[in-house]
Amino acid sequence: MLGNDLRLRPVTVITGASSGIGRELARMAARHDEVVLVARDGEKLDTLAKEIGERGGAAHVLACDLTLPGAVGAIMAYLADHGLHCERLVNNAGFGLVGDAHSLDAGEQLASIDLNVRFLTELALAVLPGMVARRSGGILNVASVAAFLPGPGMAVYYATKAYVQSFSEGLWAEAKPHGVAVTSLCPGPVNTGFLVRATAGKRRAETTFFHLGAAQVAEEGWAGFMKGQITVIPGRTNRYVIAITRFAPRRLLALMVHRRQSGRAASTLARS
């Protein structure tokens, strides 16, 4: 099996690559690696692939709805059909619903678990054995500052990110002895389409106060990944917030987050 792998070209696979942090991570990866761009919006992926090609990189496009059953199989089949193997994986795709859980569509909330948790896990488990056998490569899972907080107003989304953080930490310890890196990237609020869509445009004015853009988050995340860091938290303020959560009562944190989320439009959807 390993011998067959060595005849395949190594690539970095980026999910949710059509916009925001995923797009910036794809640009970072393409400076050094051949990349496979995966997301629902094929038109945006084609535009990004053309840009990467004009800069001297090489990019493949796989337009795929990752919420559908069989998405991981489709990615793995695409790699095999094109003579590629996943040397690095950027697990970025995800979406969240804003509003109290009882007021939101239950099916959509379960779909976010399927994408943010099940798909992310299934894809990681599909590519990890090859990395371990080759003793190279790694996985960058995009979590969030939300992973460290209770999430009233986005309860399911915050819970999925807590899973991603815990899963990544566990894989880091398991994979490290085999020469494989696993890193979780935990950004705070970032001025991306995710935020604008999640709030139905109601918080556009706030974006001017964010200190970090998607490009800076991607740059710090990729650098930490290349160094083998277990967790990357871009921005001093975000690191300070997470440090506070270790000492603040969970009841107080839940009430504070709920107050902040209460201004957001209920039942709005954000996807990457």
C-alpha atoms as a PDB file:
ATOM      1  CA  MET A   1       0.000   0.000   0.000  1.00  0.00           C
ATOM      2  CA  LEU A   2       2.787   2.404   0.899  1.00  0.00           C
ATOM      3  CA  GLY A   3       4.580   1.577  -2.350  1.00  0.00           C
ATOM      4  CA  ASN A   4       1.488   2.524  -4.318  1.00  0.00           C
ATOM      5  CA  ASP A   5       1.237   5.782  -2.339  1.00  0.00           C
ATOM      6  CA  LEU A   6       4.791   6.742  -3.266  1.00  0.00           C
ATOM      7  CA  ARG A   7       3.865   6.701  -6.960  1.00  0.00           C
ATOM      8  CA  LEU A   8       1.114   9.236  -6.354  1.00  0.00           C
ATOM      9  CA  ARG A   9       1.675  13.003  -6.350  1.00  0.00           C
ATOM     10  CA  PRO A  10       1.275  14.629  -2.926  1.00  0.00           C
ATOM     11  CA  VAL A  11      -1.306  17.402  -2.613  1.00  0.00           C
ATOM     12  CA  THR A  12      -2.901  19.564   0.031  1.00  0.00           C
ATOM     13  CA  VAL A  13      -6.683  19.195   0.165  1.00  0.00           C
ATOM     14  CA  ILE A  14      -8.640  22.225   1.393  1.00  0.00           C
ATOM     15  CA  THR A  15     -12.367  21.980   2.141  1.00  0.00           C
ATOM     16  CA  GLY A  16     -14.522  25.089   2.227  1.00  0.00           C
ATOM     17  CA  ALA A  17     -11.963  26.708  -0.089  1.00  0.00           C
ATOM     18  CA  SER A  18     -14.335  29.013  -1.972  1.00  0.00           C
ATOM     19  CA  SER A  19     -14.300  31.925   0.490  1.00  0.00           C
ATOM     20  CA  GLY A  20     -13.067  33.385   3.763  1.00  0.00           C
ATOM     21  CA  ILE A  21     -10.408  31.637   5.797  1.00  0.00           C
ATOM     22  CA  GLY A  22     -10.554  28.544   3.576  1.00  0.00           C
ATOM     23  CA  ARG A  23      -9.723  30.561   0.468  1.00  0.00           C
ATOM     24  CA  GLU A  24      -6.810  32.268   2.219  1.00  0.00           C
ATOM     25  CA  LEU A  25      -5.490  28.944   3.504  1.00  0.00           C
ATOM     26  CA  ALA A  26      -5.665  27.611  -0.045  1.00  0.00           C
ATOM     27  CA  ARG A  27      -3.580  30.548  -1.241  1.00  0.00           C
ATOM     28  CA  MET A  28      -1.059  29.868   1.515  1.00  0.00           C
ATOM     29  CA  ALA A  29      -0.829  26.162   0.704  1.00  0.00           C
ATOM     30  CA  ALA A  30      -0.538  26.792  -3.040  1.00  0.00           C
ATOM     31  CA  ARG A  31       2.721  28.682  -2.513  1.00  0.00           C
ATOM     32  CA  HIS A  32       4.387  25.372  -1.730  1.00  0.00           C
ATOM     33  CA  ASP A  33       2.040  22.527  -2.687  1.00  0.00           C
ATOM     34  CA  GLU A  34      -0.215  21.315  -5.437  1.00  0.00           C
ATOM     35  CA  VAL A  35      -3.718  21.826  -4.038  1.00  0.00           C
ATOM     36  CA  VAL A  36      -7.182  20.342  -4.379  1.00  0.00           C
ATOM     37  CA  LEU A  37      -9.917  22.912  -3.750  1.00  0.00           C
ATOM     38  CA  VAL A  38     -13.193  21.494  -2.441  1.00  0.00           C
ATOM     39  CA  ALA A  39     -16.476  23.350  -1.833  1.00  0.00           C
ATOM     40  CA  ARG A  40     -20.016  23.635  -3.188  1.00  0.00           C
ATOM     41  CA  ASP A  41     -19.441  26.705  -5.369  1.00  0.00           C
ATOM     42  CA  GLY A  42     -17.573  25.477  -8.433  1.00  0.00           C
ATOM     43  CA  GLU A  43     -17.512  28.910 -10.052  1.00  0.00           C
ATOM     44  CA  LYS A  44     -15.666  30.468  -7.118  1.00  0.00           C
ATOM     45  CA  LEU A  45     -13.287  27.520  -6.993  1.00  0.00           C
ATOM     46  CA  ASP A  46     -12.524  27.907 -10.708  1.00  0.00           C
ATOM     47  CA  THR A  47     -11.708  31.575 -10.161  1.00  0.00           C
ATOM     48  CA  LEU A  48      -9.369  30.726  -7.293  1.00  0.00           C
ATOM     49  CA  ALA A  49      -7.722  27.917  -9.265  1.00  0.00           C
ATOM     50  CA  LYS A  50      -7.088  30.307 -12.165  1.00  0.00           C
ATOM     51  CA  GLU A  51      -5.523  32.822  -9.764  1.00  0.00           C
ATOM     52  CA  ILE A  52      -3.281  30.134  -8.286  1.00  0.00           C
ATOM     53  CA  GLY A  53      -2.257  29.019 -11.776  1.00  0.00           C
ATOM     54  CA  GLU A  54      -1.364  32.581 -12.781  1.00  0.00           C
ATOM     55  CA  ARG A  55       0.935  32.742  -9.759  1.00  0.00           C
ATOM     56  CA  GLY A  56       2.751  29.607 -10.832  1.00  0.00           C
ATOM     57  CA  GLY A  57       0.877  27.132  -8.650  1.00  0.00           C
ATOM     58  CA  ALA A  58      -1.213  24.095  -9.525  1.00  0.00           C
ATOM     59  CA  ALA A  59      -4.805  23.657  -8.379  1.00  0.00           C
ATOM     60  CA  HIS A  60      -7.525  21.073  -8.939  1.00  0.00           C
ATOM     61  CA  VAL A  61     -11.219  21.850  -8.450  1.00  0.00           C
ATOM     62  CA  LEU A  62     -13.775  19.487  -6.945  1.00  0.00           C
ATOM     63  CA  ALA A  63     -17.230  21.048  -6.604  1.00  0.00           C
ATOM     64  CA  CYS A  64     -19.027  18.914  -4.063  1.00  0.00           C
ATOM     65  CA  ASP A  65     -21.784  19.381  -1.484  1.00  0.00           C
ATOM     66  CA  LEU A  66     -20.038  18.111   1.620  1.00  0.00           C
ATOM     67  CA  THR A  67     -23.292  17.791   3.553  1.00  0.00           C
ATOM     68  CA  LEU A  68     -24.391  14.903   1.323  1.00  0.00           C
ATOM     69  CA  PRO A  69     -23.674  11.243   2.136  1.00  0.00           C
ATOM     70  CA  GLY A  70     -20.702   9.921   0.223  1.00  0.00           C
ATOM     71  CA  ALA A  71     -18.813  13.229   0.093  1.00  0.00           C
ATOM     72  CA  VAL A  72     -15.668  11.735   1.621  1.00  0.00           C
ATOM     73  CA  GLY A  73     -15.814   8.843  -0.811  1.00  0.00           C
ATOM     74  CA  ALA A  74     -16.088  11.328  -3.693  1.00  0.00           C
ATOM     75  CA  ILE A  75     -12.978  13.181  -2.507  1.00  0.00           C
ATOM     76  CA  MET A  76     -10.945  10.014  -2.084  1.00  0.00           C
ATOM     77  CA  ALA A  77     -12.088   8.726  -5.493  1.00  0.00           C
ATOM     78  CA  TYR A  78     -11.112  12.037  -7.109  1.00  0.00           C
ATOM     79  CA  LEU A  79      -7.617  11.801  -5.628  1.00  0.00           C
ATOM     80  CA  ALA A  80      -7.181   8.220  -6.792  1.00  0.00           C
ATOM     81  CA  ASP A  81      -8.509   8.945 -10.287  1.00  0.00           C
ATOM     82  CA  HIS A  82      -6.022  11.823 -10.700  1.00  0.00           C
ATOM     83  CA  GLY A  83      -2.985   9.995  -9.309  1.00  0.00           C
ATOM     84  CA  LEU A  84      -2.867  12.048  -6.114  1.00  0.00           C
ATOM     85  CA  HIS A  85      -2.600  11.391  -2.410  1.00  0.00           C
ATOM     86  CA  CYS A  86      -3.443  13.722   0.447  1.00  0.00           C
ATOM     87  CA  GLU A  87      -0.188  14.833   2.036  1.00  0.00           C
ATOM     88  CA  ARG A  88      -1.890  17.595   4.001  1.00  0.00           C
ATOM     89  CA  LEU A  89      -5.541  18.166   4.811  1.00  0.00           C
ATOM     90  CA  VAL A  90      -7.136  21.491   5.727  1.00  0.00           C
ATOM     91  CA  ASN A  91     -10.521  20.665   7.272  1.00  0.00           C
ATOM     92  CA  ASN A  92     -12.188  24.065   7.028  1.00  0.00           C
ATOM     93  CA  ALA A  93     -15.747  23.514   5.753  1.00  0.00           C
ATOM     94  CA  GLY A  94     -18.495  24.231   8.238  1.00  0.00           C
ATOM     95  CA  PHE A  95     -21.641  26.216   8.941  1.00  0.00           C
ATOM     96  CA  GLY A  96     -23.601  27.570  11.867  1.00  0.00           C
ATOM     97  CA  LEU A  97     -27.128  28.649  12.698  1.00  0.00           C
ATOM     98  CA  VAL A  98     -27.829  31.749  14.766  1.00  0.00           C
ATOM     99  CA  GLY A  99     -30.701  31.685  17.244  1.00  0.00           C
ATOM    100  CA  ASP A 100     -31.974  29.771  20.257  1.00  0.00           C
ATOM    101  CA  ALA A 101     -31.879  26.035  19.577  1.00  0.00           C
ATOM    102  CA  HIS A 102     -35.602  25.531  20.236  1.00  0.00           C
ATOM    103  CA  SER A 103     -36.482  28.146  17.598  1.00  0.00           C
ATOM    104  CA  LEU A 104     -34.270  26.791  14.819  1.00  0.00           C
ATOM    105  CA  ASP A 105     -34.944  24.069  12.307  1.00  0.00           C
ATOM    106  CA  ALA A 106     -33.872  20.786  13.898  1.00  0.00           C
ATOM    107  CA  GLY A 107     -32.888  19.269  10.560  1.00  0.00           C
ATOM    108  CA  GLU A 108     -30.540  22.137   9.760  1.00  0.00           C
ATOM    109  CA  GLN A 109     -28.943  21.925  13.190  1.00  0.00           C
ATOM    110  CA  LEU A 110     -28.332  18.210  12.711  1.00  0.00           C
ATOM    111  CA  ALA A 111     -26.922  18.942   9.251  1.00  0.00           C
ATOM    112  CA  SER A 112     -24.382  21.297  10.831  1.00  0.00           C
ATOM    113  CA  ILE A 113     -23.294  18.456  13.118  1.00  0.00           C
ATOM    114  CA  ASP A 114     -22.968  16.187  10.097  1.00  0.00           C
ATOM    115  CA  LEU A 115     -20.660  18.679   8.345  1.00  0.00           C
ATOM    116  CA  ASN A 116     -18.754  20.226  11.251  1.00  0.00           C
ATOM    117  CA  VAL A 117     -18.234  16.940  13.110  1.00  0.00           C
ATOM    118  CA  ARG A 118     -19.048  13.797  11.143  1.00  0.00           C
ATOM    119  CA  PHE A 119     -17.632  14.860   7.764  1.00  0.00           C
ATOM    120  CA  LEU A 120     -14.533  16.425   9.323  1.00  0.00           C
ATOM    121  CA  THR A 121     -13.882  13.256  11.316  1.00  0.00           C
ATOM    122  CA  GLU A 122     -14.576  10.889   8.428  1.00  0.00           C
ATOM    123  CA  LEU A 123     -12.218  12.755   6.085  1.00  0.00           C
ATOM    124  CA  ALA A 124      -9.470  12.913   8.713  1.00  0.00           C
ATOM    125  CA  LEU A 125      -9.793   9.180   9.344  1.00  0.00           C
ATOM    126  CA  ALA A 126      -9.692   8.492   5.602  1.00  0.00           C
ATOM    127  CA  VAL A 127      -6.372  10.266   5.004  1.00  0.00           C
ATOM    128  CA  LEU A 128      -4.592   9.730   8.329  1.00  0.00           C
ATOM    129  CA  PRO A 129      -3.537   6.078   7.840  1.00  0.00           C
ATOM    130  CA  GLY A 130      -1.624   7.002   4.682  1.00  0.00           C
ATOM    131  CA  MET A 131       0.126   9.858   6.457  1.00  0.00           C
ATOM    132  CA  VAL A 132       1.131   7.582   9.315  1.00  0.00           C
ATOM    133  CA  ALA A 133       2.423   4.944   6.884  1.00  0.00           C
ATOM    134  CA  ARG A 134       4.490   7.565   5.034  1.00  0.00           C
ATOM    135  CA  ARG A 135       5.509   9.259   8.300  1.00  0.00           C
ATOM    136  CA  SER A 136       4.795  12.665   6.787  1.00  0.00           C
ATOM    137  CA  GLY A 137       2.084  15.236   6.265  1.00  0.00           C
ATOM    138  CA  GLY A 138      -0.565  16.539   8.591  1.00  0.00           C
ATOM    139  CA  ILE A 139      -4.079  17.786   9.273  1.00  0.00           C
ATOM    140  CA  LEU A 140      -5.155  21.349  10.033  1.00  0.00           C
ATOM    141  CA  ASN A 141      -8.641  21.425  11.545  1.00  0.00           C
ATOM    142  CA  VAL A 142     -10.349  24.819  11.707  1.00  0.00           C
ATOM    143  CA  ALA A 143     -12.071  25.116  15.069  1.00  0.00           C
ATOM    144  CA  SER A 144     -12.842  28.446  16.745  1.00  0.00           C
ATOM    145  CA  VAL A 145     -12.537  30.472  19.919  1.00  0.00           C
ATOM    146  CA  ALA A 146     -16.101  29.168  20.322  1.00  0.00           C
ATOM    147  CA  ALA A 147     -14.564  25.794  21.194  1.00  0.00           C
ATOM    148  CA  PHE A 148     -13.667  27.134  24.638  1.00  0.00           C
ATOM    149  CA  LEU A 149     -17.029  28.756  25.451  1.00  0.00           C
ATOM    150  CA  PRO A 150     -20.646  27.805  26.055  1.00  0.00           C
ATOM    151  CA  GLY A 151     -22.678  29.008  23.079  1.00  0.00           C
ATOM    152  CA  PRO A 152     -26.229  30.166  23.838  1.00  0.00           C
ATOM    153  CA  GLY A 153     -27.556  31.707  20.639  1.00  0.00           C
ATOM    154  CA  MET A 154     -25.402  29.294  18.586  1.00  0.00           C
ATOM    155  CA  ALA A 155     -25.424  26.306  20.926  1.00  0.00           C
ATOM    156  CA  VAL A 156     -24.963  23.583  18.324  1.00  0.00           C
ATOM    157  CA  TYR A 157     -22.240  25.452  16.423  1.00  0.00           C
ATOM    158  CA  TYR A 158     -20.202  26.108  19.584  1.00  0.00           C
ATOM    159  CA  ALA A 159     -20.584  22.476  20.616  1.00  0.00           C
ATOM    160  CA  THR A 160     -19.315  21.246  17.239  1.00  0.00           C
ATOM    161  CA  LYS A 161     -16.234  23.418  17.547  1.00  0.00           C
ATOM    162  CA  ALA A 162     -15.559  22.059  21.047  1.00  0.00           C
ATOM    163  CA  TYR A 163     -15.559  18.614  19.463  1.00  0.00           C
ATOM    164  CA  VAL A 164     -13.126  19.719  16.747  1.00  0.00           C
ATOM    165  CA  GLN A 165     -10.744  21.098  19.367  1.00  0.00           C
ATOM    166  CA  SER A 166     -10.854  17.964  21.523  1.00  0.00           C
ATOM    167  CA  PHE A 167     -10.539  15.665  18.503  1.00  0.00           C
ATOM    168  CA  SER A 168      -7.553  17.623  17.196  1.00  0.00           C
ATOM    169  CA  GLU A 169      -5.738  17.540  20.525  1.00  0.00           C
ATOM    170  CA  GLY A 170      -6.214  13.790  20.740  1.00  0.00           C
ATOM    171  CA  LEU A 171      -5.002  13.199  17.188  1.00  0.00           C
ATOM    172  CA  TRP A 172      -1.994  15.463  17.796  1.00  0.00           C
ATOM    173  CA  ALA A 173      -0.725  13.185  20.564  1.00  0.00           C
ATOM    174  CA  GLU A 174      -1.460  10.017  18.589  1.00  0.00           C
ATOM    175  CA  ALA A 175       0.073  11.177  15.317  1.00  0.00           C
ATOM    176  CA  LYS A 176       3.135  13.038  16.578  1.00  0.00           C
ATOM    177  CA  PRO A 177       5.244   9.875  17.190  1.00  0.00           C
ATOM    178  CA  HIS A 178       4.600   8.918  13.549  1.00  0.00           C
ATOM    179  CA  GLY A 179       5.892  12.198  12.116  1.00  0.00           C
ATOM    180  CA  VAL A 180       2.402  13.537  11.346  1.00  0.00           C
ATOM    181  CA  ALA A 181       1.307  17.008  12.450  1.00  0.00           C
ATOM    182  CA  VAL A 182      -2.201  17.809  13.688  1.00  0.00           C
ATOM    183  CA  THR A 183      -3.140  21.404  14.491  1.00  0.00           C
ATOM    184  CA  SER A 184      -6.376  23.148  15.392  1.00  0.00           C
ATOM    185  CA  LEU A 185      -6.832  26.737  14.256  1.00  0.00           C
ATOM    186  CA  CYS A 186      -9.064  28.765  16.584  1.00  0.00           C
ATOM    187  CA  PRO A 187      -9.920  32.189  15.153  1.00  0.00           C
ATOM    188  CA  GLY A 188     -12.250  34.647  16.808  1.00  0.00           C
ATOM    189  CA  PRO A 189     -14.739  36.764  14.824  1.00  0.00           C
ATOM    190  CA  VAL A 190     -13.280  37.468  11.394  1.00  0.00           C
ATOM    191  CA  ASN A 191     -14.512  39.791   8.664  1.00  0.00           C
ATOM    192  CA  THR A 192     -15.691  37.086   6.242  1.00  0.00           C
ATOM    193  CA  GLY A 193     -18.861  36.095   4.442  1.00  0.00           C
ATOM    194  CA  PHE A 194     -19.545  33.621   7.263  1.00  0.00           C
ATOM    195  CA  LEU A 195     -20.159  36.461   9.714  1.00  0.00           C
ATOM    196  CA  VAL A 196     -22.153  38.643   7.330  1.00  0.00           C
ATOM    197  CA  ARG A 197     -24.448  35.788   6.308  1.00  0.00           C
ATOM    198  CA  ALA A 198     -24.783  34.518   9.873  1.00  0.00           C
ATOM    199  CA  THR A 199     -26.131  37.863  11.020  1.00  0.00           C
ATOM    200  CA  ALA A 200     -28.149  38.682   7.889  1.00  0.00           C
ATOM    201  CA  GLY A 201     -26.023  41.806   7.456  1.00  0.00           C
ATOM    202  CA  LYS A 202     -27.144  43.268  10.784  1.00  0.00           C
ATOM    203  CA  ARG A 203     -23.600  43.572  12.143  1.00  0.00           C
ATOM    204  CA  ARG A 204     -21.757  44.888   9.110  1.00  0.00           C
ATOM    205  CA  ALA A 205     -20.693  48.016  10.971  1.00  0.00           C
ATOM    206  CA  GLU A 206     -18.931  45.938  13.604  1.00  0.00           C
ATOM    207  CA  THR A 207     -16.575  44.389  11.094  1.00  0.00           C
ATOM    208  CA  THR A 208     -14.510  47.583  10.991  1.00  0.00           C
ATOM    209  CA  PHE A 209     -13.491  46.940  14.606  1.00  0.00           C
ATOM    210  CA  PHE A 210     -12.066  43.456  13.987  1.00  0.00           C
ATOM    211  CA  HIS A 211      -8.290  43.488  14.194  1.00  0.00           C
ATOM    212  CA  LEU A 212      -7.741  40.318  12.160  1.00  0.00           C
ATOM    213  CA  GLY A 213      -8.777  39.588   8.604  1.00  0.00           C
ATOM    214  CA  ALA A 214      -9.040  36.183   6.992  1.00  0.00           C
ATOM    215  CA  ALA A 215      -5.603  36.527   5.377  1.00  0.00           C
ATOM    216  CA  GLN A 216      -3.857  37.174   8.692  1.00  0.00           C
ATOM    217  CA  VAL A 217      -5.708  34.310  10.385  1.00  0.00           C
ATOM    218  CA  ALA A 218      -4.684  31.982   7.562  1.00  0.00           C
ATOM    219  CA  GLU A 219      -1.074  33.142   7.688  1.00  0.00           C
ATOM    220  CA  GLU A 220      -0.782  32.557  11.440  1.00  0.00           C
ATOM    221  CA  GLY A 221      -2.649  29.269  11.189  1.00  0.00           C
ATOM    222  CA  TRP A 222      -0.499  27.923   8.368  1.00  0.00           C
ATOM    223  CA  ALA A 223       2.734  29.007  10.082  1.00  0.00           C
ATOM    224  CA  GLY A 224       1.701  27.260  13.304  1.00  0.00           C
ATOM    225  CA  PHE A 225       0.704  24.155  11.358  1.00  0.00           C
ATOM    226  CA  MET A 226       4.103  24.034   9.660  1.00  0.00           C
ATOM    227  CA  LYS A 227       5.770  24.312  13.075  1.00  0.00           C
ATOM    228  CA  GLY A 228       3.684  21.432  14.450  1.00  0.00           C
ATOM    229  CA  GLN A 229       1.804  23.489  17.032  1.00  0.00           C
ATOM    230  CA  ILE A 230      -1.121  21.750  18.689  1.00  0.00           C
ATOM    231  CA  THR A 231      -3.351  24.849  18.704  1.00  0.00           C
ATOM    232  CA  VAL A 232      -3.083  28.238  16.986  1.00  0.00           C
ATOM    233  CA  ILE A 233      -5.129  31.142  18.363  1.00  0.00           C
ATOM    234  CA  PRO A 234      -4.596  34.208  16.149  1.00  0.00           C
ATOM    235  CA  GLY A 235      -4.670  37.568  17.892  1.00  0.00           C
ATOM    236  CA  ARG A 236      -3.645  38.617  21.383  1.00  0.00           C
ATOM    237  CA  THR A 237      -7.210  39.540  22.352  1.00  0.00           C
ATOM    238  CA  ASN A 238      -8.489  36.081  21.445  1.00  0.00           C
ATOM    239  CA  ARG A 239      -5.729  34.432  23.486  1.00  0.00           C
ATOM    240  CA  TYR A 240      -6.641  36.669  26.417  1.00  0.00           C
ATOM    241  CA  VAL A 241     -10.338  35.743  26.141  1.00  0.00           C
ATOM    242  CA  ILE A 242      -9.530  32.033  26.146  1.00  0.00           C
ATOM    243  CA  ALA A 243      -7.217  32.446  29.132  1.00  0.00           C
ATOM    244  CA  ILE A 244     -10.069  34.051  31.074  1.00  0.00           C
ATOM    245  CA  THR A 245     -12.381  31.124  30.348  1.00  0.00           C
ATOM    246  CA  ARG A 246     -10.145  28.874  32.441  1.00  0.00           C
ATOM    247  CA  PHE A 247     -11.052  30.805  35.583  1.00  0.00           C
ATOM    248  CA  ALA A 248     -14.482  32.357  34.964  1.00  0.00           C
ATOM    249  CA  PRO A 249     -17.557  30.424  36.186  1.00  0.00           C
ATOM    250  CA  ARG A 250     -19.273  28.624  33.310  1.00  0.00           C
ATOM    251  CA  ARG A 251     -22.629  30.095  34.373  1.00  0.00           C
ATOM    252  CA  LEU A 252     -21.230  33.612  33.993  1.00  0.00           C
ATOM    253  CA  LEU A 253     -19.667  32.788  30.621  1.00  0.00           C
ATOM    254  CA  ALA A 254     -22.940  31.375  29.335  1.00  0.00           C
ATOM    255  CA  LEU A 255     -24.841  34.508  30.336  1.00  0.00           C
ATOM    256  CA  MET A 256     -22.217  36.797  28.790  1.00  0.00           C
ATOM    257  CA  VAL A 257     -22.218  34.923  25.485  1.00  0.00           C
ATOM    258  CA  HIS A 258     -26.010  34.846  25.423  1.00  0.00           C
ATOM    259  CA  ARG A 259     -26.173  38.598  25.863  1.00  0.00           C
ATOM    260  CA  ARG A 260     -23.741  39.101  22.977  1.00  0.00           C
ATOM    261  CA  GLN A 261     -25.562  36.684  20.698  1.00  0.00           C
ATOM    262  CA  SER A 262     -29.022  38.060  21.459  1.00  0.00           C
ATOM    263  CA  GLY A 263     -28.537  40.915  19.013  1.00  0.00           C
ATOM    264  CA  ARG A 264     -28.115  38.577  16.098  1.00  0.00           C
ATOM    265  CA  ALA A 265     -30.962  37.706  13.754  1.00  0.00           C
ATOM    266  CA  ALA A 266     -32.625  34.414  14.660  1.00  0.00           C
ATOM    267  CA  SER A 267     -32.732  31.466  12.300  1.00  0.00           C
ATOM    268  CA  THR A 268     -30.084  32.729   9.862  1.00  0.00           C
ATOM    269  CA  LEU A 269     -27.666  30.396   8.197  1.00  0.00           C
ATOM    270  CA  ALA A 270     -23.963  30.684   7.540  1.00  0.00           C
ATOM    271  CA  ARG A 271     -21.972  28.248   5.448  1.00  0.00           C
ATOM    272  CA  SER A 272     -18.444  27.912   4.169  1.00  0.00           C
END
